Amino acid sequence: VGLIGERGREVKDFIDNILGDEGRRRAAVVAAPADTSALQRLQG
């Protein structure tokens, strides 16, 4: 999962409530929220 440019609140909500424990066990999440630099978002 690549969460690129989203709000920081949505990152935690997606991981905890939407992805859930079942999905997270087999998932790798890369988060580059909106408050990171443009390079971090591209790199993410």
ModelCIF file with pLDDT and N, C-alpha, C, O atoms, coordinates in Angstrom:
data_MODEL
#
_entry.id   MODEL 
#
_entity.id                         1 
_entity.type                       polymer 
_entity.pdbx_number_of_molecules   1 
#
_entity_poly.entity_id                      1 
_entity_poly.type                           'polypeptide(L)' 
_entity_poly.nstd_linkage                   no 
_entity_poly.nstd_monomer                   no 
_entity_poly.pdbx_seq_one_letter_code       VGLIGERGREVKDFIDNILGDEGRRRAAVVAAPADTSALQRLQG 
_entity_poly.pdbx_seq_one_letter_code_can   VGLIGERGREVKDFIDNILGDEGRRRAAVVAAPADTSALQRLQG 
_entity_poly.pdbx_strand_id                 A 
#
loop_
_entity_poly_seq.entity_id 
_entity_poly_seq.num 
_entity_poly_seq.mon_id 
_entity_poly_seq.hetero 
1 1  VAL n 
1 2  GLY n 
1 3  LEU n 
1 4  ILE n 
1 5  GLY n 
1 6  GLU n 
1 7  ARG n 
1 8  GLY n 
1 9  ARG n 
1 10 GLU n 
1 11 VAL n 
1 12 LYS n 
1 13 ASP n 
1 14 PHE n 
1 15 ILE n 
1 16 ASP n 
1 17 ASN n 
1 18 ILE n 
1 19 LEU n 
1 20 GLY n 
1 21 ASP n 
1 22 GLU n 
1 23 GLY n 
1 24 ARG n 
1 25 ARG n 
1 26 ARG n 
1 27 ALA n 
1 28 ALA n 
1 29 VAL n 
1 30 VAL n 
1 31 ALA n 
1 32 ALA n 
1 33 PRO n 
1 34 ALA n 
1 35 ASP n 
1 36 THR n 
1 37 SER n 
1 38 ALA n 
1 39 LEU n 
1 40 GLN n 
1 41 ARG n 
1 42 LEU n 
1 43 GLN n 
1 44 GLY n 
#
_struct_asym.id          A 
_struct_asym.entity_id   1 
#
loop_
_ma_qa_metric.id 
_ma_qa_metric.mode 
_ma_qa_metric.name 
_ma_qa_metric.software_group_id 
_ma_qa_metric.type 
1 global pLDDT . pLDDT 
2 local  pLDDT . pLDDT 
#
_ma_qa_metric_global.metric_id      1 
_ma_qa_metric_global.metric_value   86.55 
_ma_qa_metric_global.model_id       1 
_ma_qa_metric_global.ordinal_id     1 
#
loop_
_ma_qa_metric_local.label_asym_id 
_ma_qa_metric_local.label_comp_id 
_ma_qa_metric_local.label_seq_id 
_ma_qa_metric_local.metric_id 
_ma_qa_metric_local.metric_value 
_ma_qa_metric_local.model_id 
_ma_qa_metric_local.ordinal_id 
A VAL 1  2 93.00 1 1  
A GLY 2  2 94.00 1 2  
A LEU 3  2 93.00 1 3  
A ILE 4  2 93.00 1 4  
A GLY 5  2 90.00 1 5  
A GLU 6  2 83.00 1 6  
A ARG 7  2 82.00 1 7  
A GLY 8  2 79.00 1 8  
A ARG 9  2 80.00 1 9  
A GLU 10 2 80.00 1 10 
A VAL 11 2 84.00 1 11 
A LYS 12 2 83.00 1 12 
A ASP 13 2 83.00 1 13 
A PHE 14 2 82.00 1 14 
A ILE 15 2 83.00 1 15 
A ASP 16 2 82.00 1 16 
A ASN 17 2 80.00 1 17 
A ILE 18 2 77.00 1 18 
A LEU 19 2 78.00 1 19 
A GLY 20 2 75.00 1 20 
A ASP 21 2 77.00 1 21 
A GLU 22 2 75.00 1 22 
A GLY 23 2 76.00 1 23 
A ARG 24 2 83.00 1 24 
A ARG 25 2 85.00 1 25 
A ARG 26 2 88.00 1 26 
A ALA 27 2 91.00 1 27 
A ALA 28 2 93.00 1 28 
A VAL 29 2 93.00 1 29 
A VAL 30 2 94.00 1 30 
A ALA 31 2 93.00 1 31 
A ALA 32 2 93.00 1 32 
A PRO 33 2 91.00 1 33 
A ALA 34 2 89.00 1 34 
A ASP 35 2 88.00 1 35 
A THR 36 2 90.00 1 36 
A SER 37 2 90.00 1 37 
A ALA 38 2 91.00 1 38 
A LEU 39 2 91.00 1 39 
A GLN 40 2 91.00 1 40 
A ARG 41 2 93.00 1 41 
A LEU 42 2 93.00 1 42 
A GLN 43 2 92.00 1 43 
A GLY 44 2 94.00 1 44 
#
loop_
_atom_site.group_PDB 
_atom_site.id 
_atom_site.type_symbol 
_atom_site.label_atom_id 
_atom_site.label_alt_id 
_atom_site.label_comp_id 
_atom_site.label_asym_id 
_atom_site.label_entity_id 
_atom_site.label_seq_id 
_atom_site.pdbx_PDB_ins_code 
_atom_site.Cartn_x 
_atom_site.Cartn_y 
_atom_site.Cartn_z 
_atom_site.occupancy 
_atom_site.B_iso_or_equiv 
_atom_site.pdbx_formal_charge 
_atom_site.auth_seq_id 
_atom_site.auth_comp_id 
_atom_site.auth_asym_id 
_atom_site.auth_atom_id 
_atom_site.pdbx_PDB_model_num 
ATOM 1   N N  . VAL A 1 1  ? 0.847   -1.182 0.000  1.00 93.00 ? 1  VAL A N  1 
ATOM 2   C CA . VAL A 1 1  ? 0.000   0.000  0.000  1.00 93.00 ? 1  VAL A CA 1 
ATOM 3   C C  . VAL A 1 1  ? 0.888   1.239  0.000  1.00 93.00 ? 1  VAL A C  1 
ATOM 4   O O  . VAL A 1 1  ? 1.755   1.380  0.862  1.00 93.00 ? 1  VAL A O  1 
ATOM 5   N N  . GLY A 1 2  ? 0.680   2.127  -0.949 1.00 94.00 ? 2  GLY A N  1 
ATOM 6   C CA . GLY A 1 2  ? 1.376   3.403  -0.996 1.00 94.00 ? 2  GLY A CA 1 
ATOM 7   C C  . GLY A 1 2  ? 0.393   4.524  -0.736 1.00 94.00 ? 2  GLY A C  1 
ATOM 8   O O  . GLY A 1 2  ? -0.449  4.816  -1.585 1.00 94.00 ? 2  GLY A O  1 
ATOM 9   N N  . LEU A 1 3  ? 0.485   5.157  0.426  1.00 93.00 ? 3  LEU A N  1 
ATOM 10  C CA . LEU A 1 3  ? -0.389  6.282  0.779  1.00 93.00 ? 3  LEU A CA 1 
ATOM 11  C C  . LEU A 1 3  ? 0.391   7.558  0.500  1.00 93.00 ? 3  LEU A C  1 
ATOM 12  O O  . LEU A 1 3  ? 1.196   8.003  1.318  1.00 93.00 ? 3  LEU A O  1 
ATOM 13  N N  . ILE A 1 4  ? 0.139   8.136  -0.666 1.00 93.00 ? 4  ILE A N  1 
ATOM 14  C CA . ILE A 1 4  ? 0.950   9.243  -1.173 1.00 93.00 ? 4  ILE A CA 1 
ATOM 15  C C  . ILE A 1 4  ? 0.136   10.537 -1.144 1.00 93.00 ? 4  ILE A C  1 
ATOM 16  O O  . ILE A 1 4  ? -0.885  10.647 -1.824 1.00 93.00 ? 4  ILE A O  1 
ATOM 17  N N  . GLY A 1 5  ? 0.586   11.507 -0.361 1.00 90.00 ? 5  GLY A N  1 
ATOM 18  C CA . GLY A 1 5  ? -0.030  12.824 -0.344 1.00 90.00 ? 5  GLY A CA 1 
ATOM 19  C C  . GLY A 1 5  ? -1.350  12.900 0.388  1.00 90.00 ? 5  GLY A C  1 
ATOM 20  O O  . GLY A 1 5  ? -2.059  13.898 0.261  1.00 90.00 ? 5  GLY A O  1 
ATOM 21  N N  . GLU A 1 6  ? -1.709  11.874 1.154  1.00 83.00 ? 6  GLU A N  1 
ATOM 22  C CA . GLU A 1 6  ? -2.971  11.902 1.889  1.00 83.00 ? 6  GLU A CA 1 
ATOM 23  C C  . GLU A 1 6  ? -2.786  12.616 3.230  1.00 83.00 ? 6  GLU A C  1 
ATOM 24  O O  . GLU A 1 6  ? -1.659  12.848 3.669  1.00 83.00 ? 6  GLU A O  1 
ATOM 25  N N  . ARG A 1 7  ? -3.898  12.958 3.869  1.00 82.00 ? 7  ARG A N  1 
ATOM 26  C CA . ARG A 1 7  ? -3.840  13.574 5.193  1.00 82.00 ? 7  ARG A CA 1 
ATOM 27  C C  . ARG A 1 7  ? -3.307  12.576 6.210  1.00 82.00 ? 7  ARG A C  1 
ATOM 28  O O  . ARG A 1 7  ? -3.561  11.375 6.117  1.00 82.00 ? 7  ARG A O  1 
ATOM 29  N N  . GLY A 1 8  ? -2.554  13.099 7.194  1.00 79.00 ? 8  GLY A N  1 
ATOM 30  C CA . GLY A 1 8  ? -1.973  12.227 8.200  1.00 79.00 ? 8  GLY A CA 1 
ATOM 31  C C  . GLY A 1 8  ? -3.020  11.437 8.967  1.00 79.00 ? 8  GLY A C  1 
ATOM 32  O O  . GLY A 1 8  ? -2.788  10.280 9.317  1.00 79.00 ? 8  GLY A O  1 
ATOM 33  N N  . ARG A 1 9  ? -4.167  12.046 9.231  1.00 80.00 ? 9  ARG A N  1 
ATOM 34  C CA . ARG A 1 9  ? -5.231  11.343 9.938  1.00 80.00 ? 9  ARG A CA 1 
ATOM 35  C C  . ARG A 1 9  ? -5.728  10.162 9.126  1.00 80.00 ? 9  ARG A C  1 
ATOM 36  O O  . ARG A 1 9  ? -6.026  9.107  9.685  1.00 80.00 ? 9  ARG A O  1 
ATOM 37  N N  . GLU A 1 10 ? -5.820  10.327 7.803  1.00 80.00 ? 10 GLU A N  1 
ATOM 38  C CA . GLU A 1 10 ? -6.312  9.256  6.950  1.00 80.00 ? 10 GLU A CA 1 
ATOM 39  C C  . GLU A 1 10 ? -5.335  8.084  6.902  1.00 80.00 ? 10 GLU A C  1 
ATOM 40  O O  . GLU A 1 10 ? -5.748  6.940  6.715  1.00 80.00 ? 10 GLU A O  1 
ATOM 41  N N  . VAL A 1 11 ? -4.041  8.363  7.068  1.00 84.00 ? 11 VAL A N  1 
ATOM 42  C CA . VAL A 1 11 ? -3.050  7.282  7.057  1.00 84.00 ? 11 VAL A CA 1 
ATOM 43  C C  . VAL A 1 11 ? -3.305  6.320  8.216  1.00 84.00 ? 11 VAL A C  1 
ATOM 44  O O  . VAL A 1 11 ? -3.384  5.109  8.012  1.00 84.00 ? 11 VAL A O  1 
ATOM 45  N N  . LYS A 1 12 ? -3.434  6.851  9.421  1.00 83.00 ? 12 LYS A N  1 
ATOM 46  C CA . LYS A 1 12 ? -3.681  6.000  10.587 1.00 83.00 ? 12 LYS A CA 1 
ATOM 47  C C  . LYS A 1 12 ? -5.048  5.333  10.501 1.00 83.00 ? 12 LYS A C  1 
ATOM 48  O O  . LYS A 1 12 ? -5.197  4.169  10.874 1.00 83.00 ? 12 LYS A O  1 
ATOM 49  N N  . ASP A 1 13 ? -6.046  6.064  10.012 1.00 83.00 ? 13 ASP A N  1 
ATOM 50  C CA . ASP A 1 13 ? -7.384  5.487  9.895  1.00 83.00 ? 13 ASP A CA 1 
ATOM 51  C C  . ASP A 1 13 ? -7.395  4.343  8.898  1.00 83.00 ? 13 ASP A C  1 
ATOM 52  O O  . ASP A 1 13 ? -8.041  3.322  9.137  1.00 83.00 ? 13 ASP A O  1 
ATOM 53  N N  . PHE A 1 14 ? -6.694  4.495  7.786  1.00 82.00 ? 14 PHE A N  1 
ATOM 54  C CA . PHE A 1 14 ? -6.642  3.432  6.777  1.00 82.00 ? 14 PHE A CA 1 
ATOM 55  C C  . PHE A 1 14 ? -5.963  2.192  7.347  1.00 82.00 ? 14 PHE A C  1 
ATOM 56  O O  . PHE A 1 14 ? -6.418  1.073  7.111  1.00 82.00 ? 14 PHE A O  1 
ATOM 57  N N  . ILE A 1 15 ? -4.889  2.380  8.086  1.00 83.00 ? 15 ILE A N  1 
ATOM 58  C CA . ILE A 1 15 ? -4.138  1.242  8.611  1.00 83.00 ? 15 ILE A CA 1 
ATOM 59  C C  . ILE A 1 15 ? -4.926  0.522  9.702  1.00 83.00 ? 15 ILE A C  1 
ATOM 60  O O  . ILE A 1 15 ? -5.009  -0.707 9.701  1.00 83.00 ? 15 ILE A O  1 
ATOM 61  N N  . ASP A 1 16 ? -5.503  1.280  10.631 1.00 82.00 ? 16 ASP A N  1 
ATOM 62  C CA . ASP A 1 16 ? -6.149  0.666  11.802 1.00 82.00 ? 16 ASP A CA 1 
ATOM 63  C C  . ASP A 1 16 ? -7.561  0.171  11.498 1.00 82.00 ? 16 ASP A C  1 
ATOM 64  O O  . ASP A 1 16 ? -7.926  -0.937 11.891 1.00 82.00 ? 16 ASP A O  1 
ATOM 65  N N  . ASN A 1 17 ? -8.359  0.984  10.802 1.00 80.00 ? 17 ASN A N  1 
ATOM 66  C CA . ASN A 1 17 ? -9.779  0.676  10.660 1.00 80.00 ? 17 ASN A CA 1 
ATOM 67  C C  . ASN A 1 17 ? -10.159 0.076  9.315  1.00 80.00 ? 17 ASN A C  1 
ATOM 68  O O  . ASN A 1 17 ? -11.052 -0.770 9.245  1.00 80.00 ? 17 ASN A O  1 
ATOM 69  N N  . ILE A 1 18 ? -9.495  0.502  8.248  1.00 77.00 ? 18 ILE A N  1 
ATOM 70  C CA . ILE A 1 18 ? -9.886  0.038  6.918  1.00 77.00 ? 18 ILE A CA 1 
ATOM 71  C C  . ILE A 1 18 ? -9.081  -1.188 6.505  1.00 77.00 ? 18 ILE A C  1 
ATOM 72  O O  . ILE A 1 18 ? -9.649  -2.179 6.047  1.00 77.00 ? 18 ILE A O  1 
ATOM 73  N N  . LEU A 1 19 ? -7.770  -1.127 6.661  1.00 78.00 ? 19 LEU A N  1 
ATOM 74  C CA . LEU A 1 19 ? -6.943  -2.289 6.325  1.00 78.00 ? 19 LEU A CA 1 
ATOM 75  C C  . LEU A 1 19 ? -7.142  -3.398 7.354  1.00 78.00 ? 19 LEU A C  1 
ATOM 76  O O  . LEU A 1 19 ? -7.284  -4.565 6.992  1.00 78.00 ? 19 LEU A O  1 
ATOM 77  N N  . GLY A 1 20 ? -7.154  -3.037 8.628  1.00 75.00 ? 20 GLY A N  1 
ATOM 78  C CA . GLY A 1 20 ? -7.428  -4.012 9.682  1.00 75.00 ? 20 GLY A CA 1 
ATOM 79  C C  . GLY A 1 20 ? -6.259  -4.948 9.953  1.00 75.00 ? 20 GLY A C  1 
ATOM 80  O O  . GLY A 1 20 ? -5.275  -4.974 9.214  1.00 75.00 ? 20 GLY A O  1 
ATOM 81  N N  . ASP A 1 21 ? -6.391  -5.715 11.032 1.00 77.00 ? 21 ASP A N  1 
ATOM 82  C CA . ASP A 1 21 ? -5.316  -6.633 11.427 1.00 77.00 ? 21 ASP A CA 1 
ATOM 83  C C  . ASP A 1 21 ? -5.085  -7.730 10.390 1.00 77.00 ? 21 ASP A C  1 
ATOM 84  O O  . ASP A 1 21 ? -3.947  -8.114 10.125 1.00 77.00 ? 21 ASP A O  1 
ATOM 85  N N  . GLU A 1 22 ? -6.182  -8.232 9.803  1.00 75.00 ? 22 GLU A N  1 
ATOM 86  C CA . GLU A 1 22 ? -6.057  -9.308 8.830  1.00 75.00 ? 22 GLU A CA 1 
ATOM 87  C C  . GLU A 1 22 ? -5.281  -8.868 7.599  1.00 75.00 ? 22 GLU A C  1 
ATOM 88  O O  . GLU A 1 22 ? -4.401  -9.582 7.117  1.00 75.00 ? 22 GLU A O  1 
ATOM 89  N N  . GLY A 1 23 ? -5.619  -7.674 7.090  1.00 76.00 ? 23 GLY A N  1 
ATOM 90  C CA . GLY A 1 23 ? -4.917  -7.182 5.910  1.00 76.00 ? 23 GLY A CA 1 
ATOM 91  C C  . GLY A 1 23 ? -3.500  -6.745 6.215  1.00 76.00 ? 23 GLY A C  1 
ATOM 92  O O  . GLY A 1 23 ? -2.609  -6.901 5.380  1.00 76.00 ? 23 GLY A O  1 
ATOM 93  N N  . ARG A 1 24 ? -3.280  -6.198 7.403  1.00 83.00 ? 24 ARG A N  1 
ATOM 94  C CA . ARG A 1 24 ? -1.957  -5.654 7.712  1.00 83.00 ? 24 ARG A CA 1 
ATOM 95  C C  . ARG A 1 24 ? -0.906  -6.736 7.863  1.00 83.00 ? 24 ARG A C  1 
ATOM 96  O O  . ARG A 1 24 ? 0.267   -6.492 7.583  1.00 83.00 ? 24 ARG A O  1 
ATOM 97  N N  . ARG A 1 25 ? -1.295  -7.924 8.298  1.00 85.00 ? 25 ARG A N  1 
ATOM 98  C CA . ARG A 1 25 ? -0.322  -8.996 8.512  1.00 85.00 ? 25 ARG A CA 1 
ATOM 99  C C  . ARG A 1 25 ? 0.426   -9.366 7.233  1.00 85.00 ? 25 ARG A C  1 
ATOM 100 O O  . ARG A 1 25 ? 1.586   -9.773 7.289  1.00 85.00 ? 25 ARG A O  1 
ATOM 101 N N  . ARG A 1 26 ? -0.224  -9.228 6.099  1.00 88.00 ? 26 ARG A N  1 
ATOM 102 C CA . ARG A 1 26 ? 0.449   -9.577 4.835  1.00 88.00 ? 26 ARG A CA 1 
ATOM 103 C C  . ARG A 1 26 ? 0.703   -8.344 3.976  1.00 88.00 ? 26 ARG A C  1 
ATOM 104 O O  . ARG A 1 26 ? 0.860   -8.452 2.760  1.00 88.00 ? 26 ARG A O  1 
ATOM 105 N N  . ALA A 1 27 ? 0.744   -7.166 4.612  1.00 91.00 ? 27 ALA A N  1 
ATOM 106 C CA . ALA A 1 27 ? 0.880   -5.915 3.864  1.00 91.00 ? 27 ALA A CA 1 
ATOM 107 C C  . ALA A 1 27 ? 2.113   -5.137 4.298  1.00 91.00 ? 27 ALA A C  1 
ATOM 108 O O  . ALA A 1 27 ? 2.517   -5.170 5.461  1.00 91.00 ? 27 ALA A O  1 
ATOM 109 N N  . ALA A 1 28 ? 2.695   -4.442 3.344  1.00 93.00 ? 28 ALA A N  1 
ATOM 110 C CA . ALA A 1 28 ? 3.749   -3.463 3.610  1.00 93.00 ? 28 ALA A CA 1 
ATOM 111 C C  . ALA A 1 28 ? 3.185   -2.094 3.226  1.00 93.00 ? 28 ALA A C  1 
ATOM 112 O O  . ALA A 1 28 ? 2.725   -1.905 2.100  1.00 93.00 ? 28 ALA A O  1 
ATOM 113 N N  . VAL A 1 29 ? 3.220   -1.148 4.152  1.00 93.00 ? 29 VAL A N  1 
ATOM 114 C CA . VAL A 1 29 ? 2.606   0.162  3.939  1.00 93.00 ? 29 VAL A CA 1 
ATOM 115 C C  . VAL A 1 29 ? 3.698   1.214  3.866  1.00 93.00 ? 29 VAL A C  1 
ATOM 116 O O  . VAL A 1 29 ? 4.535   1.317  4.763  1.00 93.00 ? 29 VAL A O  1 
ATOM 117 N N  . VAL A 1 30 ? 3.685   2.002  2.784  1.00 94.00 ? 30 VAL A N  1 
ATOM 118 C CA . VAL A 1 30 ? 4.590   3.135  2.616  1.00 94.00 ? 30 VAL A CA 1 
ATOM 119 C C  . VAL A 1 30 ? 3.744   4.400  2.692  1.00 94.00 ? 30 VAL A C  1 
ATOM 120 O O  . VAL A 1 30 ? 2.853   4.610  1.869  1.00 94.00 ? 30 VAL A O  1 
ATOM 121 N N  . ALA A 1 31 ? 4.025   5.237  3.682  1.00 93.00 ? 31 ALA A N  1 
ATOM 122 C CA . ALA A 1 31 ? 3.223   6.436  3.909  1.00 93.00 ? 31 ALA A CA 1 
ATOM 123 C C  . ALA A 1 31 ? 4.076   7.677  3.703  1.00 93.00 ? 31 ALA A C  1 
ATOM 124 O O  . ALA A 1 31 ? 5.097   7.861  4.366  1.00 93.00 ? 31 ALA A O  1 
ATOM 125 N N  . ALA A 1 32 ? 3.645   8.526  2.775  1.00 93.00 ? 32 ALA A N  1 
ATOM 126 C CA . ALA A 1 32 ? 4.268   9.829  2.551  1.00 93.00 ? 32 ALA A CA 1 
ATOM 127 C C  . ALA A 1 32 ? 3.146   10.857 2.546  1.00 93.00 ? 32 ALA A C  1 
ATOM 128 O O  . ALA A 1 32 ? 2.663   11.235 1.479  1.00 93.00 ? 32 ALA A O  1 
ATOM 129 N N  . PRO A 1 33 ? 2.717   11.321 3.735  1.00 91.00 ? 33 PRO A N  1 
ATOM 130 C CA . PRO A 1 33 ? 1.538   12.195 3.825  1.00 91.00 ? 33 PRO A CA 1 
ATOM 131 C C  . PRO A 1 33 ? 1.735   13.545 3.143  1.00 91.00 ? 33 PRO A C  1 
ATOM 132 O O  . PRO A 1 33 ? 2.803   13.841 2.608  1.00 91.00 ? 33 PRO A O  1 
ATOM 133 N N  . ALA A 1 34 ? 0.684   14.350 3.176  1.00 89.00 ? 34 ALA A N  1 
ATOM 134 C CA . ALA A 1 34 ? 0.683   15.626 2.467  1.00 89.00 ? 34 ALA A CA 1 
ATOM 135 C C  . ALA A 1 34 ? 1.688   16.612 3.041  1.00 89.00 ? 34 ALA A C  1 
ATOM 136 O O  . ALA A 1 34 ? 2.150   17.501 2.327  1.00 89.00 ? 34 ALA A O  1 
ATOM 137 N N  . ASP A 1 35 ? 2.040   16.471 4.339  1.00 88.00 ? 35 ASP A N  1 
ATOM 138 C CA . ASP A 1 35 ? 2.959   17.435 4.944  1.00 88.00 ? 35 ASP A CA 1 
ATOM 139 C C  . ASP A 1 35 ? 4.421   17.100 4.691  1.00 88.00 ? 35 ASP A C  1 
ATOM 140 O O  . ASP A 1 35 ? 5.299   17.830 5.150  1.00 88.00 ? 35 ASP A O  1 
ATOM 141 N N  . THR A 1 36 ? 4.708   16.018 3.976  1.00 90.00 ? 36 THR A N  1 
ATOM 142 C CA . THR A 1 36 ? 6.087   15.712 3.608  1.00 90.00 ? 36 THR A CA 1 
ATOM 143 C C  . THR A 1 36 ? 6.455   16.459 2.333  1.00 90.00 ? 36 THR A C  1 
ATOM 144 O O  . THR A 1 36 ? 5.591   17.010 1.651  1.00 90.00 ? 36 THR A O  1 
ATOM 145 N N  . SER A 1 37 ? 7.738   16.471 2.025  1.00 90.00 ? 37 SER A N  1 
ATOM 146 C CA . SER A 1 37 ? 8.201   17.195 0.838  1.00 90.00 ? 37 SER A CA 1 
ATOM 147 C C  . SER A 1 37 ? 7.759   16.493 -0.438 1.00 90.00 ? 37 SER A C  1 
ATOM 148 O O  . SER A 1 37 ? 7.402   15.315 -0.426 1.00 90.00 ? 37 SER A O  1 
ATOM 149 N N  . ALA A 1 38 ? 7.790   17.233 -1.527 1.00 91.00 ? 38 ALA A N  1 
ATOM 150 C CA . ALA A 1 38 ? 7.414   16.663 -2.818 1.00 91.00 ? 38 ALA A CA 1 
ATOM 151 C C  . ALA A 1 38 ? 8.323   15.486 -3.182 1.00 91.00 ? 38 ALA A C  1 
ATOM 152 O O  . ALA A 1 38 ? 7.867   14.505 -3.769 1.00 91.00 ? 38 ALA A O  1 
ATOM 153 N N  . LEU A 1 39 ? 9.594   15.586 -2.836 1.00 91.00 ? 39 LEU A N  1 
ATOM 154 C CA . LEU A 1 39 ? 10.519  14.490 -3.125 1.00 91.00 ? 39 LEU A CA 1 
ATOM 155 C C  . LEU A 1 39 ? 10.172  13.240 -2.333 1.00 91.00 ? 39 LEU A C  1 
ATOM 156 O O  . LEU A 1 39 ? 10.274  12.127 -2.847 1.00 91.00 ? 39 LEU A O  1 
ATOM 157 N N  . GLN A 1 40 ? 9.756   13.425 -1.065 1.00 91.00 ? 40 GLN A N  1 
ATOM 158 C CA . GLN A 1 40 ? 9.359   12.275 -0.265 1.00 91.00 ? 40 GLN A CA 1 
ATOM 159 C C  . GLN A 1 40 ? 8.144   11.590 -0.872 1.00 91.00 ? 40 GLN A C  1 
ATOM 160 O O  . GLN A 1 40 ? 8.055   10.363 -0.848 1.00 91.00 ? 40 GLN A O  1 
ATOM 161 N N  . ARG A 1 41 ? 7.203   12.363 -1.418 1.00 93.00 ? 41 ARG A N  1 
ATOM 162 C CA . ARG A 1 41 ? 6.017   11.767 -2.027 1.00 93.00 ? 41 ARG A CA 1 
ATOM 163 C C  . ARG A 1 41 ? 6.382   11.000 -3.298 1.00 93.00 ? 41 ARG A C  1 
ATOM 164 O O  . ARG A 1 41 ? 5.882   9.900  -3.530 1.00 93.00 ? 41 ARG A O  1 
ATOM 165 N N  . LEU A 1 42 ? 7.250   11.582 -4.113 1.00 93.00 ? 42 LEU A N  1 
ATOM 166 C CA . LEU A 1 42 ? 7.706   10.863 -5.310 1.00 93.00 ? 42 LEU A CA 1 
ATOM 167 C C  . LEU A 1 42 ? 8.462   9.595  -4.918 1.00 93.00 ? 42 LEU A C  1 
ATOM 168 O O  . LEU A 1 42 ? 8.258   8.530  -5.499 1.00 93.00 ? 42 LEU A O  1 
ATOM 169 N N  . GLN A 1 43 ? 9.334   9.729  -3.925 1.00 92.00 ? 43 GLN A N  1 
ATOM 170 C CA . GLN A 1 43 ? 10.147  8.598  -3.494 1.00 92.00 ? 43 GLN A CA 1 
ATOM 171 C C  . GLN A 1 43 ? 9.278   7.515  -2.873 1.00 92.00 ? 43 GLN A C  1 
ATOM 172 O O  . GLN A 1 43 ? 9.551   6.326  -3.038 1.00 92.00 ? 43 GLN A O  1 
ATOM 173 N N  . GLY A 1 44 ? 8.220   7.927  -2.150 1.00 94.00 ? 44 GLY A N  1 
ATOM 174 C CA . GLY A 1 44 ? 7.319   6.954  -1.546 1.00 94.00 ? 44 GLY A CA 1 
ATOM 175 C C  . GLY A 1 44 ? 6.606   6.110  -2.588 1.00 94.00 ? 44 GLY A C  1 
ATOM 176 O O  . GLY A 1 44 ? 5.808   5.240  -2.237 1.00 94.00 ? 44 GLY A O  1 
#
